[in-house]
mmCIF file of all heavy atoms, coordinates in Angstrom:
data_MODEL
# 
_entry.id   MODEL 
# 
loop_
_atom_site.group_PDB 
_atom_site.id 
_atom_site.type_symbol 
_atom_site.label_atom_id 
_atom_site.label_alt_id 
_atom_site.label_comp_id 
_atom_site.label_asym_id 
_atom_site.label_entity_id 
_atom_site.label_seq_id 
_atom_site.pdbx_PDB_ins_code 
_atom_site.Cartn_x 
_atom_site.Cartn_y 
_atom_site.Cartn_z 
_atom_site.occupancy 
_atom_site.B_iso_or_equiv 
_atom_site.pdbx_formal_charge 
_atom_site.auth_seq_id 
_atom_site.auth_comp_id 
_atom_site.auth_asym_id 
_atom_site.auth_atom_id 
_atom_site.pdbx_PDB_model_num 
ATOM 1   N N   . GLY A 1 1  ? 36.483 51.297 49.703 1.00 0.00 ? 1  GLY A N   1 
ATOM 2   C CA  . GLY A 1 1  ? 35.565 50.166 49.609 1.00 0.00 ? 1  GLY A CA  1 
ATOM 3   C C   . GLY A 1 1  ? 34.913 49.817 50.928 1.00 0.00 ? 1  GLY A C   1 
ATOM 4   O O   . GLY A 1 1  ? 33.740 49.436 50.975 1.00 0.00 ? 1  GLY A O   1 
ATOM 5   N N   . GLY A 1 2  ? 35.661 49.963 52.024 1.00 0.00 ? 2  GLY A N   1 
ATOM 6   C CA  . GLY A 1 2  ? 35.129 49.638 53.333 1.00 0.00 ? 2  GLY A CA  1 
ATOM 7   C C   . GLY A 1 2  ? 33.972 50.511 53.761 1.00 0.00 ? 2  GLY A C   1 
ATOM 8   O O   . GLY A 1 2  ? 33.291 50.213 54.750 1.00 0.00 ? 2  GLY A O   1 
ATOM 9   N N   . LEU A 1 3  ? 33.704 51.595 53.016 1.00 0.00 ? 3  LEU A N   1 
ATOM 10  C CA  . LEU A 1 3  ? 32.526 52.420 53.324 1.00 0.00 ? 3  LEU A CA  1 
ATOM 11  C C   . LEU A 1 3  ? 31.239 51.611 53.170 1.00 0.00 ? 3  LEU A C   1 
ATOM 12  O O   . LEU A 1 3  ? 30.236 51.891 53.830 1.00 0.00 ? 3  LEU A O   1 
ATOM 13  C CB  . LEU A 1 3  ? 32.475 53.641 52.413 1.00 0.00 ? 3  LEU A CB  1 
ATOM 14  C CG  . LEU A 1 3  ? 33.611 54.657 52.569 1.00 0.00 ? 3  LEU A CG  1 
ATOM 15  C CD1 . LEU A 1 3  ? 33.468 55.758 51.522 1.00 0.00 ? 3  LEU A CD1 1 
ATOM 16  C CD2 . LEU A 1 3  ? 33.633 55.247 53.968 1.00 0.00 ? 3  LEU A CD2 1 
ATOM 17  N N   . SER A 1 4  ? 31.243 50.592 52.297 1.00 0.00 ? 4  SER A N   1 
ATOM 18  C CA  . SER A 1 4  ? 30.058 49.750 52.151 1.00 0.00 ? 4  SER A CA  1 
ATOM 19  C C   . SER A 1 4  ? 29.813 48.954 53.429 1.00 0.00 ? 4  SER A C   1 
ATOM 20  O O   . SER A 1 4  ? 28.665 48.719 53.817 1.00 0.00 ? 4  SER A O   1 
ATOM 21  C CB  . SER A 1 4  ? 30.206 48.810 50.945 1.00 0.00 ? 4  SER A CB  1 
ATOM 22  O OG  . SER A 1 4  ? 31.299 47.908 51.115 1.00 0.00 ? 4  SER A OG  1 
ATOM 23  N N   . VAL A 1 5  ? 30.889 48.540 54.105 1.00 0.00 ? 5  VAL A N   1 
ATOM 24  C CA  . VAL A 1 5  ? 30.767 47.848 55.385 1.00 0.00 ? 5  VAL A CA  1 
ATOM 25  C C   . VAL A 1 5  ? 30.415 48.838 56.486 1.00 0.00 ? 5  VAL A C   1 
ATOM 26  O O   . VAL A 1 5  ? 29.584 48.558 57.358 1.00 0.00 ? 5  VAL A O   1 
ATOM 27  C CB  . VAL A 1 5  ? 32.067 47.091 55.715 1.00 0.00 ? 5  VAL A CB  1 
ATOM 28  C CG1 . VAL A 1 5  ? 31.988 46.444 57.088 1.00 0.00 ? 5  VAL A CG1 1 
ATOM 29  C CG2 . VAL A 1 5  ? 32.369 46.049 54.655 1.00 0.00 ? 5  VAL A CG2 1 
ATOM 30  N N   . LEU A 1 6  ? 31.052 50.005 56.457 1.00 0.00 ? 6  LEU A N   1 
ATOM 31  C CA  . LEU A 1 6  ? 30.758 51.027 57.459 1.00 0.00 ? 6  LEU A CA  1 
ATOM 32  C C   . LEU A 1 6  ? 29.273 51.381 57.462 1.00 0.00 ? 6  LEU A C   1 
ATOM 33  O O   . LEU A 1 6  ? 28.668 51.575 58.527 1.00 0.00 ? 6  LEU A O   1 
ATOM 34  C CB  . LEU A 1 6  ? 31.599 52.274 57.197 1.00 0.00 ? 6  LEU A CB  1 
ATOM 35  C CG  . LEU A 1 6  ? 31.354 53.469 58.128 1.00 0.00 ? 6  LEU A CG  1 
ATOM 36  C CD1 . LEU A 1 6  ? 31.733 53.124 59.565 1.00 0.00 ? 6  LEU A CD1 1 
ATOM 37  C CD2 . LEU A 1 6  ? 32.134 54.697 57.646 1.00 0.00 ? 6  LEU A CD2 1 
ATOM 38  N N   . ALA A 1 7  ? 28.663 51.477 56.288 1.00 0.00 ? 7  ALA A N   1 
ATOM 39  C CA  . ALA A 1 7  ? 27.234 51.799 56.212 1.00 0.00 ? 7  ALA A CA  1 
ATOM 40  C C   . ALA A 1 7  ? 26.398 50.758 56.948 1.00 0.00 ? 7  ALA A C   1 
ATOM 41  O O   . ALA A 1 7  ? 25.455 51.088 57.674 1.00 0.00 ? 7  ALA A O   1 
ATOM 42  C CB  . ALA A 1 7  ? 26.791 51.909 54.754 1.00 0.00 ? 7  ALA A CB  1 
ATOM 43  N N   . GLU A 1 8  ? 26.761 49.477 56.762 1.00 0.00 ? 8  GLU A N   1 
ATOM 44  C CA  . GLU A 1 8  ? 26.021 48.412 57.454 1.00 0.00 ? 8  GLU A CA  1 
ATOM 45  C C   . GLU A 1 8  ? 26.290 48.444 58.958 1.00 0.00 ? 8  GLU A C   1 
ATOM 46  O O   . GLU A 1 8  ? 25.384 48.202 59.771 1.00 0.00 ? 8  GLU A O   1 
ATOM 47  C CB  . GLU A 1 8  ? 26.409 47.047 56.877 1.00 0.00 ? 8  GLU A CB  1 
ATOM 48  C CG  . GLU A 1 8  ? 26.048 46.847 55.421 1.00 0.00 ? 8  GLU A CG  1 
ATOM 49  C CD  . GLU A 1 8  ? 24.547 46.782 55.174 1.00 0.00 ? 8  GLU A CD  1 
ATOM 50  O OE1 . GLU A 1 8  ? 23.776 46.697 56.143 1.00 0.00 ? 8  GLU A OE1 1 
ATOM 51  O OE2 . GLU A 1 8  ? 24.149 46.830 53.999 1.00 0.00 ? 8  GLU A OE2 1 
ATOM 52  N N   . LEU A 1 9  ? 27.510 48.750 59.338 1.00 0.00 ? 9  LEU A N   1 
ATOM 53  C CA  . LEU A 1 9  ? 27.830 48.863 60.763 1.00 0.00 ? 9  LEU A CA  1 
ATOM 54  C C   . LEU A 1 9  ? 27.028 49.978 61.416 1.00 0.00 ? 9  LEU A C   1 
ATOM 55  O O   . LEU A 1 9  ? 26.518 49.834 62.536 1.00 0.00 ? 9  LEU A O   1 
ATOM 56  C CB  . LEU A 1 9  ? 29.329 49.128 60.939 1.00 0.00 ? 9  LEU A CB  1 
ATOM 57  C CG  . LEU A 1 9  ? 30.267 47.949 60.669 1.00 0.00 ? 9  LEU A CG  1 
ATOM 58  C CD1 . LEU A 1 9  ? 31.707 48.445 60.525 1.00 0.00 ? 9  LEU A CD1 1 
ATOM 59  C CD2 . LEU A 1 9  ? 30.181 46.911 61.796 1.00 0.00 ? 9  LEU A CD2 1 
ATOM 60  N N   . ARG A 1 10 ? 26.876 51.093 60.734 1.00 0.00 ? 10 ARG A N   1 
ATOM 61  C CA  . ARG A 1 10 ? 26.146 52.220 61.307 1.00 0.00 ? 10 ARG A CA  1 
ATOM 62  C C   . ARG A 1 10 ? 24.650 51.926 61.388 1.00 0.00 ? 10 ARG A C   1 
ATOM 63  O O   . ARG A 1 10 ? 23.955 52.426 62.280 1.00 0.00 ? 10 ARG A O   1 
ATOM 64  C CB  . ARG A 1 10 ? 26.397 53.491 60.500 1.00 0.00 ? 10 ARG A CB  1 
ATOM 65  C CG  . ARG A 1 10 ? 27.873 53.907 60.492 1.00 0.00 ? 10 ARG A CG  1 
ATOM 66  C CD  . ARG A 1 10 ? 28.045 55.315 59.992 1.00 0.00 ? 10 ARG A CD  1 
ATOM 67  N NE  . ARG A 1 10 ? 27.642 56.270 61.013 1.00 0.00 ? 10 ARG A NE  1 
ATOM 68  C CZ  . ARG A 1 10 ? 27.367 57.557 60.764 1.00 0.00 ? 10 ARG A CZ  1 
ATOM 69  N NH1 . ARG A 1 10 ? 27.406 58.001 59.515 1.00 0.00 ? 10 ARG A NH1 1 
ATOM 70  N NH2 . ARG A 1 10 ? 27.027 58.358 61.731 1.00 0.00 ? 10 ARG A NH2 1 
ATOM 71  N N   . ARG A 1 11 ? 24.146 51.124 60.479 1.00 0.00 ? 11 ARG A N   1 
ATOM 72  C CA  . ARG A 1 11 ? 22.742 50.718 60.578 1.00 0.00 ? 11 ARG A CA  1 
ATOM 73  C C   . ARG A 1 11 ? 22.528 49.787 61.770 1.00 0.00 ? 11 ARG A C   1 
ATOM 74  O O   . ARG A 1 11 ? 21.529 49.880 62.480 1.00 0.00 ? 11 ARG A O   1 
ATOM 75  C CB  . ARG A 1 11 ? 22.297 50.023 59.286 1.00 0.00 ? 11 ARG A CB  1 
ATOM 76  C CG  . ARG A 1 11 ? 22.225 50.959 58.087 1.00 0.00 ? 11 ARG A CG  1 
ATOM 77  C CD  . ARG A 1 11 ? 21.696 50.255 56.842 1.00 0.00 ? 11 ARG A CD  1 
ATOM 78  N NE  . ARG A 1 11 ? 21.661 51.185 55.719 1.00 0.00 ? 11 ARG A NE  1 
ATOM 79  C CZ  . ARG A 1 11 ? 22.545 51.227 54.736 1.00 0.00 ? 11 ARG A CZ  1 
ATOM 80  N NH1 . ARG A 1 11 ? 23.548 50.371 54.740 1.00 0.00 ? 11 ARG A NH1 1 
ATOM 81  N NH2 . ARG A 1 11 ? 22.446 52.105 53.760 1.00 0.00 ? 11 ARG A NH2 1 
ATOM 82  N N   . ALA A 1 12 ? 23.474 48.868 61.971 1.00 0.00 ? 12 ALA A N   1 
ATOM 83  C CA  . ALA A 1 12 ? 23.344 47.906 63.068 1.00 0.00 ? 12 ALA A CA  1 
ATOM 84  C C   . ALA A 1 12 ? 23.703 48.513 64.415 1.00 0.00 ? 12 ALA A C   1 
ATOM 85  O O   . ALA A 1 12 ? 23.199 48.081 65.456 1.00 0.00 ? 12 ALA A O   1 
ATOM 86  C CB  . ALA A 1 12 ? 24.233 46.689 62.795 1.00 0.00 ? 12 ALA A CB  1 
ATOM 87  N N   . LEU A 1 13 ? 24.586 49.522 64.402 1.00 0.00 ? 13 LEU A N   1 
ATOM 88  C CA  . LEU A 1 13 ? 25.103 50.112 65.642 1.00 0.00 ? 13 LEU A CA  1 
ATOM 89  C C   . LEU A 1 13 ? 25.035 51.639 65.548 1.00 0.00 ? 13 LEU A C   1 
ATOM 90  O O   . LEU A 1 13 ? 26.057 52.328 65.555 1.00 0.00 ? 13 LEU A O   1 
ATOM 91  C CB  . LEU A 1 13 ? 26.559 49.660 65.857 1.00 0.00 ? 13 LEU A CB  1 
ATOM 92  C CG  . LEU A 1 13 ? 26.769 48.156 66.037 1.00 0.00 ? 13 LEU A CG  1 
ATOM 93  C CD1 . LEU A 1 13 ? 28.210 47.775 65.741 1.00 0.00 ? 13 LEU A CD1 1 
ATOM 94  C CD2 . LEU A 1 13 ? 26.381 47.744 67.446 1.00 0.00 ? 13 LEU A CD2 1 
ATOM 95  N N   . PRO A 1 14 ? 23.831 52.199 65.478 1.00 0.00 ? 14 PRO A N   1 
ATOM 96  C CA  . PRO A 1 14 ? 23.708 53.648 65.221 1.00 0.00 ? 14 PRO A CA  1 
ATOM 97  C C   . PRO A 1 14 ? 24.244 54.523 66.336 1.00 0.00 ? 14 PRO A C   1 
ATOM 98  O O   . PRO A 1 14 ? 24.548 55.698 66.098 1.00 0.00 ? 14 PRO A O   1 
ATOM 99  C CB  . PRO A 1 14 ? 22.190 53.838 65.048 1.00 0.00 ? 14 PRO A CB  1 
ATOM 100 C CG  . PRO A 1 14 ? 21.578 52.691 65.785 1.00 0.00 ? 14 PRO A CG  1 
ATOM 101 C CD  . PRO A 1 14 ? 22.519 51.542 65.583 1.00 0.00 ? 14 PRO A CD  1 
ATOM 102 N N   . GLY A 1 15 ? 24.380 53.997 67.555 1.00 0.00 ? 15 GLY A N   1 
ATOM 103 C CA  . GLY A 1 15 ? 24.874 54.813 68.660 1.00 0.00 ? 15 GLY A CA  1 
ATOM 104 C C   . GLY A 1 15 ? 26.372 54.802 68.817 1.00 0.00 ? 15 GLY A C   1 
ATOM 105 O O   . GLY A 1 15 ? 26.918 55.529 69.670 1.00 0.00 ? 15 GLY A O   1 
ATOM 106 N N   . GLU A 1 16 ? 27.083 54.009 68.021 1.00 0.00 ? 16 GLU A N   1 
ATOM 107 C CA  . GLU A 1 16 ? 28.538 53.891 68.157 1.00 0.00 ? 16 GLU A CA  1 
ATOM 108 C C   . GLU A 1 16 ? 29.272 54.965 67.361 1.00 0.00 ? 16 GLU A C   1 
ATOM 109 O O   . GLU A 1 16 ? 28.832 55.376 66.287 1.00 0.00 ? 16 GLU A O   1 
ATOM 110 C CB  . GLU A 1 16 ? 29.006 52.507 67.681 1.00 0.00 ? 16 GLU A CB  1 
ATOM 111 C CG  . GLU A 1 16 ? 28.434 51.335 68.439 1.00 0.00 ? 16 GLU A CG  1 
ATOM 112 C CD  . GLU A 1 16 ? 28.975 51.216 69.845 1.00 0.00 ? 16 GLU A CD  1 
ATOM 113 O OE1 . GLU A 1 16 ? 30.060 51.775 70.118 1.00 0.00 ? 16 GLU A OE1 1 
ATOM 114 O OE2 . GLU A 1 16 ? 28.332 50.545 70.670 1.00 0.00 ? 16 GLU A OE2 1 
ATOM 115 N N   . ASP A 1 17 ? 30.410 55.388 67.884 1.00 0.00 ? 17 ASP A N   1 
ATOM 116 C CA  . ASP A 1 17 ? 31.343 56.221 67.123 1.00 0.00 ? 17 ASP A CA  1 
ATOM 117 C C   . ASP A 1 17 ? 32.281 55.313 66.334 1.00 0.00 ? 17 ASP A C   1 
ATOM 118 O O   . ASP A 1 17 ? 32.606 54.198 66.779 1.00 0.00 ? 17 ASP A O   1 
ATOM 119 C CB  . ASP A 1 17 ? 32.168 57.107 68.058 1.00 0.00 ? 17 ASP A CB  1 
ATOM 120 C CG  . ASP A 1 17 ? 31.334 58.172 68.746 1.00 0.00 ? 17 ASP A CG  1 
ATOM 121 O OD1 . ASP A 1 17 ? 30.295 58.570 68.193 1.00 0.00 ? 17 ASP A OD1 1 
ATOM 122 O OD2 . ASP A 1 17 ? 31.727 58.597 69.852 1.00 0.00 ? 17 ASP A OD2 1 
ATOM 123 N N   . PHE A 1 18 ? 32.737 55.809 65.189 1.00 0.00 ? 18 PHE A N   1 
ATOM 124 C CA  . PHE A 1 18 ? 33.626 55.027 64.336 1.00 0.00 ? 18 PHE A CA  1 
ATOM 125 C C   . PHE A 1 18 ? 34.837 55.859 63.924 1.00 0.00 ? 18 PHE A C   1 
ATOM 126 O O   . PHE A 1 18 ? 34.742 57.076 63.742 1.00 0.00 ? 18 PHE A O   1 
ATOM 127 C CB  . PHE A 1 18 ? 32.895 54.543 63.082 1.00 0.00 ? 18 PHE A CB  1 
ATOM 128 C CG  . PHE A 1 18 ? 31.845 53.506 63.349 1.00 0.00 ? 18 PHE A CG  1 
ATOM 129 C CD1 . PHE A 1 18 ? 30.537 53.889 63.612 1.00 0.00 ? 18 PHE A CD1 1 
ATOM 130 C CD2 . PHE A 1 18 ? 32.160 52.162 63.354 1.00 0.00 ? 18 PHE A CD2 1 
ATOM 131 C CE1 . PHE A 1 18 ? 29.561 52.946 63.877 1.00 0.00 ? 18 PHE A CE1 1 
ATOM 132 C CE2 . PHE A 1 18 ? 31.196 51.200 63.615 1.00 0.00 ? 18 PHE A CE2 1 
ATOM 133 C CZ  . PHE A 1 18 ? 29.898 51.596 63.882 1.00 0.00 ? 18 PHE A CZ  1 
ATOM 134 N N   . LEU A 1 19 ? 35.945 55.173 63.767 1.00 0.00 ? 19 LEU A N   1 
ATOM 135 C CA  . LEU A 1 19 ? 37.187 55.757 63.246 1.00 0.00 ? 19 LEU A CA  1 
ATOM 136 C C   . LEU A 1 19 ? 37.564 54.939 62.021 1.00 0.00 ? 19 LEU A C   1 
ATOM 137 O O   . LEU A 1 19 ? 37.941 53.767 62.134 1.00 0.00 ? 19 LEU A O   1 
ATOM 138 C CB  . LEU A 1 19 ? 38.277 55.680 64.320 1.00 0.00 ? 19 LEU A CB  1 
ATOM 139 C CG  . LEU A 1 19 ? 39.560 56.489 64.121 1.00 0.00 ? 19 LEU A CG  1 
ATOM 140 C CD1 . LEU A 1 19 ? 39.259 57.975 63.985 1.00 0.00 ? 19 LEU A CD1 1 
ATOM 141 C CD2 . LEU A 1 19 ? 40.514 56.237 65.285 1.00 0.00 ? 19 LEU A CD2 1 
ATOM 142 N N   . TYR A 1 20 ? 37.401 55.538 60.832 1.00 0.00 ? 20 TYR A N   1 
ATOM 143 C CA  . TYR A 1 20 ? 37.608 54.819 59.571 1.00 0.00 ? 20 TYR A CA  1 
ATOM 144 C C   . TYR A 1 20 ? 38.959 55.212 58.976 1.00 0.00 ? 20 TYR A C   1 
ATOM 145 O O   . TYR A 1 20 ? 39.229 56.408 58.780 1.00 0.00 ? 20 TYR A O   1 
ATOM 146 C CB  . TYR A 1 20 ? 36.498 55.159 58.584 1.00 0.00 ? 20 TYR A CB  1 
ATOM 147 C CG  . TYR A 1 20 ? 36.596 54.432 57.259 1.00 0.00 ? 20 TYR A CG  1 
ATOM 148 C CD1 . TYR A 1 20 ? 35.902 53.253 57.044 1.00 0.00 ? 20 TYR A CD1 1 
ATOM 149 C CD2 . TYR A 1 20 ? 37.387 54.927 56.220 1.00 0.00 ? 20 TYR A CD2 1 
ATOM 150 C CE1 . TYR A 1 20 ? 35.981 52.577 55.828 1.00 0.00 ? 20 TYR A CE1 1 
ATOM 151 C CE2 . TYR A 1 20 ? 37.492 54.261 55.012 1.00 0.00 ? 20 TYR A CE2 1 
ATOM 152 C CZ  . TYR A 1 20 ? 36.786 53.086 54.816 1.00 0.00 ? 20 TYR A CZ  1 
ATOM 153 O OH  . TYR A 1 20 ? 36.882 52.422 53.622 1.00 0.00 ? 20 TYR A OH  1 
ATOM 154 N N   . LEU A 1 21 ? 39.789 54.227 58.682 1.00 0.00 ? 21 LEU A N   1 
ATOM 155 C CA  . LEU A 1 21 ? 41.120 54.471 58.119 1.00 0.00 ? 21 LEU A CA  1 
ATOM 156 C C   . LEU A 1 21 ? 41.204 53.895 56.710 1.00 0.00 ? 21 LEU A C   1 
ATOM 157 O O   . LEU A 1 21 ? 41.025 52.688 56.499 1.00 0.00 ? 21 LEU A O   1 
ATOM 158 C CB  . LEU A 1 21 ? 42.203 53.839 58.992 1.00 0.00 ? 21 LEU A CB  1 
ATOM 159 C CG  . LEU A 1 21 ? 43.635 53.820 58.442 1.00 0.00 ? 21 LEU A CG  1 
ATOM 160 C CD1 . LEU A 1 21 ? 44.106 55.223 58.070 1.00 0.00 ? 21 LEU A CD1 1 
ATOM 161 C CD2 . LEU A 1 21 ? 44.585 53.192 59.452 1.00 0.00 ? 21 LEU A CD2 1 
ATOM 162 N N   . ALA A 1 22 ? 41.478 54.765 55.723 1.00 0.00 ? 22 ALA A N   1 
ATOM 163 C CA  . ALA A 1 22 ? 41.678 54.367 54.338 1.00 0.00 ? 22 ALA A CA  1 
ATOM 164 C C   . ALA A 1 22 ? 43.155 54.523 53.990 1.00 0.00 ? 22 ALA A C   1 
ATOM 165 O O   . ALA A 1 22 ? 43.685 55.638 53.985 1.00 0.00 ? 22 ALA A O   1 
ATOM 166 C CB  . ALA A 1 22 ? 40.832 55.233 53.408 1.00 0.00 ? 22 ALA A CB  1 
ATOM 167 N N   . ASP A 1 23 ? 43.820 53.417 53.694 1.00 0.00 ? 23 ASP A N   1 
ATOM 168 C CA  . ASP A 1 23 ? 45.257 53.440 53.408 1.00 0.00 ? 23 ASP A CA  1 
ATOM 169 C C   . ASP A 1 23 ? 45.500 53.725 51.928 1.00 0.00 ? 23 ASP A C   1 
ATOM 170 O O   . ASP A 1 23 ? 46.063 52.915 51.195 1.00 0.00 ? 23 ASP A O   1 
ATOM 171 C CB  . ASP A 1 23 ? 45.885 52.108 53.817 1.00 0.00 ? 23 ASP A CB  1 
ATOM 172 C CG  . ASP A 1 23 ? 47.405 52.127 53.722 1.00 0.00 ? 23 ASP A CG  1 
ATOM 173 O OD1 . ASP A 1 23 ? 47.989 53.230 53.660 1.00 0.00 ? 23 ASP A OD1 1 
ATOM 174 O OD2 . ASP A 1 23 ? 48.006 51.039 53.698 1.00 0.00 ? 23 ASP A OD2 1 
ATOM 175 N N   . LEU A 1 24 ? 45.095 54.917 51.499 1.00 0.00 ? 24 LEU A N   1 
ATOM 176 C CA  . LEU A 1 24 ? 45.149 55.250 50.076 1.00 0.00 ? 24 LEU A CA  1 
ATOM 177 C C   . LEU A 1 24 ? 46.564 55.365 49.540 1.00 0.00 ? 24 LEU A C   1 
ATOM 178 O O   . LEU A 1 24 ? 46.789 55.222 48.333 1.00 0.00 ? 24 LEU A O   1 
ATOM 179 C CB  . LEU A 1 24 ? 44.404 56.565 49.837 1.00 0.00 ? 24 LEU A CB  1 
ATOM 180 C CG  . LEU A 1 24 ? 42.886 56.516 50.057 1.00 0.00 ? 24 LEU A CG  1 
ATOM 181 C CD1 . LEU A 1 24 ? 42.285 57.894 49.876 1.00 0.00 ? 24 LEU A CD1 1 
ATOM 182 C CD2 . LEU A 1 24 ? 42.235 55.516 49.128 1.00 0.00 ? 24 LEU A CD2 1 
ATOM 183 N N   . ALA A 1 25 ? 47.542 55.605 50.410 1.00 0.00 ? 25 ALA A N   1 
ATOM 184 C CA  . ALA A 1 25 ? 48.921 55.711 49.939 1.00 0.00 ? 25 ALA A CA  1 
ATOM 185 C C   . ALA A 1 25 ? 49.442 54.385 49.403 1.00 0.00 ? 25 ALA A C   1 
ATOM 186 O O   . ALA A 1 25 ? 50.411 54.368 48.633 1.00 0.00 ? 25 ALA A O   1 
ATOM 187 C CB  . ALA A 1 25 ? 49.827 56.198 51.078 1.00 0.00 ? 25 ALA A CB  1 
ATOM 188 N N   . HIS A 1 26 ? 48.808 53.269 49.796 1.00 0.00 ? 26 HIS A N   1 
ATOM 189 C CA  . HIS A 1 26 ? 49.306 51.946 49.393 1.00 0.00 ? 26 HIS A CA  1 
ATOM 190 C C   . HIS A 1 26 ? 48.255 51.131 48.646 1.00 0.00 ? 26 HIS A C   1 
ATOM 191 O O   . HIS A 1 26 ? 48.487 49.959 48.363 1.00 0.00 ? 26 HIS A O   1 
ATOM 192 C CB  . HIS A 1 26 ? 49.775 51.180 50.629 1.00 0.00 ? 26 HIS A CB  1 
ATOM 193 C CG  . HIS A 1 26 ? 50.803 51.909 51.430 1.00 0.00 ? 26 HIS A CG  1 
ATOM 194 N ND1 . HIS A 1 26 ? 50.505 52.555 52.619 1.00 0.00 ? 26 HIS A ND1 1 
ATOM 195 C CD2 . HIS A 1 26 ? 52.118 52.136 51.191 1.00 0.00 ? 26 HIS A CD2 1 
ATOM 196 C CE1 . HIS A 1 26 ? 51.601 53.124 53.090 1.00 0.00 ? 26 HIS A CE1 1 
ATOM 197 N NE2 . HIS A 1 26 ? 52.592 52.902 52.253 1.00 0.00 ? 26 HIS A NE2 1 
ATOM 198 N N   . MET A 1 27 ? 47.122 51.729 48.350 1.00 0.00 ? 27 MET A N   1 
ATOM 199 C CA  . MET A 1 27 ? 46.054 51.060 47.623 1.00 0.00 ? 27 MET A CA  1 
ATOM 200 C C   . MET A 1 27 ? 46.428 50.948 46.144 1.00 0.00 ? 27 MET A C   1 
ATOM 201 O O   . MET A 1 27 ? 47.054 51.854 45.597 1.00 0.00 ? 27 MET A O   1 
ATOM 202 C CB  . MET A 1 27 ? 44.782 51.894 47.818 1.00 0.00 ? 27 MET A CB  1 
ATOM 203 C CG  . MET A 1 27 ? 43.492 51.322 47.226 1.00 0.00 ? 27 MET A CG  1 
ATOM 204 S SD  . MET A 1 27 ? 43.258 51.554 45.461 1.00 0.00 ? 27 MET A SD  1 
ATOM 205 C CE  . MET A 1 27 ? 43.432 53.297 45.244 1.00 0.00 ? 27 MET A CE  1 
ATOM 206 N N   . PRO A 1 28 ? 46.061 49.797 45.457 1.00 0.00 ? 28 PRO A N   1 
ATOM 207 C CA  . PRO A 1 28 ? 45.292 48.655 45.944 1.00 0.00 ? 28 PRO A CA  1 
ATOM 208 C C   . PRO A 1 28 ? 46.178 47.568 46.547 1.00 0.00 ? 28 PRO A C   1 
ATOM 209 O O   . PRO A 1 28 ? 47.360 47.480 46.228 1.00 0.00 ? 28 PRO A O   1 
ATOM 210 C CB  . PRO A 1 28 ? 44.604 48.145 44.681 1.00 0.00 ? 28 PRO A CB  1 
ATOM 211 C CG  . PRO A 1 28 ? 45.584 48.454 43.587 1.00 0.00 ? 28 PRO A CG  1 
ATOM 212 C CD  . PRO A 1 28 ? 46.250 49.751 43.976 1.00 0.00 ? 28 PRO A CD  1 
ATOM 213 N N   . TYR A 1 29 ? 45.585 46.757 47.412 1.00 0.00 ? 29 TYR A N   1 
ATOM 214 C CA  . TYR A 1 29 ? 46.305 45.671 48.060 1.00 0.00 ? 29 TYR A CA  1 
ATOM 215 C C   . TYR A 1 29 ? 46.297 44.386 47.224 1.00 0.00 ? 29 TYR A C   1 
ATOM 216 O O   . TYR A 1 29 ? 47.139 43.514 47.415 1.00 0.00 ? 29 TYR A O   1 
ATOM 217 C CB  . TYR A 1 29 ? 45.658 45.344 49.413 1.00 0.00 ? 29 TYR A CB  1 
ATOM 218 C CG  . TYR A 1 29 ? 46.027 46.270 50.556 1.00 0.00 ? 29 TYR A CG  1 
ATOM 219 C CD1 . TYR A 1 29 ? 46.645 47.494 50.345 1.00 0.00 ? 29 TYR A CD1 1 
ATOM 220 C CD2 . TYR A 1 29 ? 45.741 45.900 51.861 1.00 0.00 ? 29 TYR A CD2 1 
ATOM 221 C CE1 . TYR A 1 29 ? 46.954 48.329 51.398 1.00 0.00 ? 29 TYR A CE1 1 
ATOM 222 C CE2 . TYR A 1 29 ? 46.054 46.722 52.928 1.00 0.00 ? 29 TYR A CE2 1 
ATOM 223 C CZ  . TYR A 1 29 ? 46.659 47.944 52.694 1.00 0.00 ? 29 TYR A CZ  1 
ATOM 224 O OH  . TYR A 1 29 ? 46.974 48.759 53.749 1.00 0.00 ? 29 TYR A OH  1 
# 
């Protein structure tokens, strides 16, 4: 789900590197 936020972050901060962590072993919270 956080990919929707990541997309907005990359639009606002296109020069930044990102490290995205999905805790699928324990999803859903």
